[in-house]
Amino acid sequence: MTEGSQHPVVRAYEIDTVNKAYALTGIHHHKLDVGVPYDIDIDITLEALKAL
């Protein structure tokens, strides 16, 4: 959750093969949608998470 609000935030990282370190590839607030290492498309709104 972000400070001062109640919605989830997901930070996605990917390994940088040149530097051998993780690099930030995205900050997702409403939908986690990435294609590496495989396709992921998840609704991460607070309403969707409460419904689980």
Protein backbone atom coordinates (compact mmCIF):
# COMPACT_ATOMS: atom_id res chain seq x y z
CA MET A 1 0.00 0.00 0.00
CA THR A 2 1.23 3.46 -0.72
CA GLU A 3 1.72 5.82 2.17
CA GLY A 4 -1.35 7.92 2.84
CA SER A 5 -3.67 5.86 0.64
CA GLN A 6 -5.25 2.43 0.68
CA HIS A 7 -4.54 1.09 -2.79
CA PRO A 8 -1.93 -1.57 -3.54
CA VAL A 9 1.22 -0.81 -5.50
CA VAL A 10 3.39 -3.49 -7.14
CA ARG A 11 6.95 -2.78 -8.20
CA ALA A 12 8.28 -5.16 -10.85
CA TYR A 13 11.95 -5.90 -11.38
CA GLU A 14 13.93 -7.73 -14.03
CA ILE A 15 17.49 -9.01 -13.88
CA ASP A 16 19.89 -6.95 -15.98
CA THR A 17 22.19 -9.55 -17.54
CA VAL A 18 24.92 -7.02 -18.24
CA ASN A 19 25.15 -5.55 -14.73
CA LYS A 20 24.00 -8.73 -12.94
CA ALA A 21 21.59 -6.63 -10.88
CA TYR A 22 17.85 -6.09 -10.69
CA ALA A 23 16.39 -3.10 -12.52
CA LEU A 24 12.97 -1.59 -11.96
CA THR A 25 10.71 -2.30 -14.95
CA GLY A 26 7.46 -0.82 -13.70
CA ILE A 27 5.32 0.50 -10.88
CA HIS A 28 1.78 -0.81 -11.17
CA HIS A 29 -1.18 0.80 -9.37
CA HIS A 30 -4.36 -0.67 -10.86
CA LYS A 31 -3.28 -3.58 -13.03
CA LEU A 32 -0.19 -5.75 -13.01
CA ASP A 33 0.51 -6.35 -16.69
CA VAL A 34 3.92 -7.78 -17.64
CA GLY A 35 5.23 -10.03 -20.39
CA VAL A 36 8.47 -11.32 -18.87
CA PRO A 37 9.13 -14.07 -17.89
CA TYR A 38 5.56 -14.87 -19.02
CA ASP A 39 2.34 -12.94 -19.58
CA ILE A 40 0.70 -11.75 -16.36
CA ASP A 41 -2.41 -9.58 -16.30
CA ILE A 42 -3.90 -9.16 -12.81
CA ASP A 43 -6.39 -6.63 -11.49
CA ILE A 44 -4.76 -5.27 -8.31
CA THR A 45 -7.36 -2.67 -7.39
CA LEU A 46 -8.42 -2.73 -3.76
CA GLU A 47 -11.94 -3.76 -4.78
CA ALA A 48 -10.63 -6.77 -6.72
CA LEU A 49 -8.40 -7.85 -3.85
CA LYS A 50 -11.25 -7.56 -1.33
CA ALA A 51 -13.33 -9.85 -3.55
CA LEU A 52 -10.79 -12.69 -3.18
